[in-house]
Amino acid sequence: MTFPGGTSISRLTVYTGACADGLEGGTPHLHTASTEAYVVIGGRGTLQTLDVNGLRETELGPGSTVWFTPGTIHRAVNRTDQGAGWRWSS
């Protein structure tokens, strides 16, 4: 897998507060110039993505890895009582 430009790795904890739609997690957004990937190290959740192929929801748990390209609308949803511990790279 090749990332355009620089590559960074950070630890991300998915939000535990409810959004307007009642789901716990972040709000849908996109990045115009970076590929993004998640490696889940704890907790459970889903990654919702929307691109030219349509809406997709990917179940995530410890050991899961998923990545997506620039322009993909995405949102991490927490499915545990505590923040899911995810490693993030873009």
Foldseek 3Di string as FASTA:
>chain_A
DDKPDDKDKDKDWFAQDADPVRFGGDDWDFAARTKKKKAFQAAWWWKWKQDPVGIDIGTDGHGDMDIDGGPITIIITGPDNTTTIMMMMD
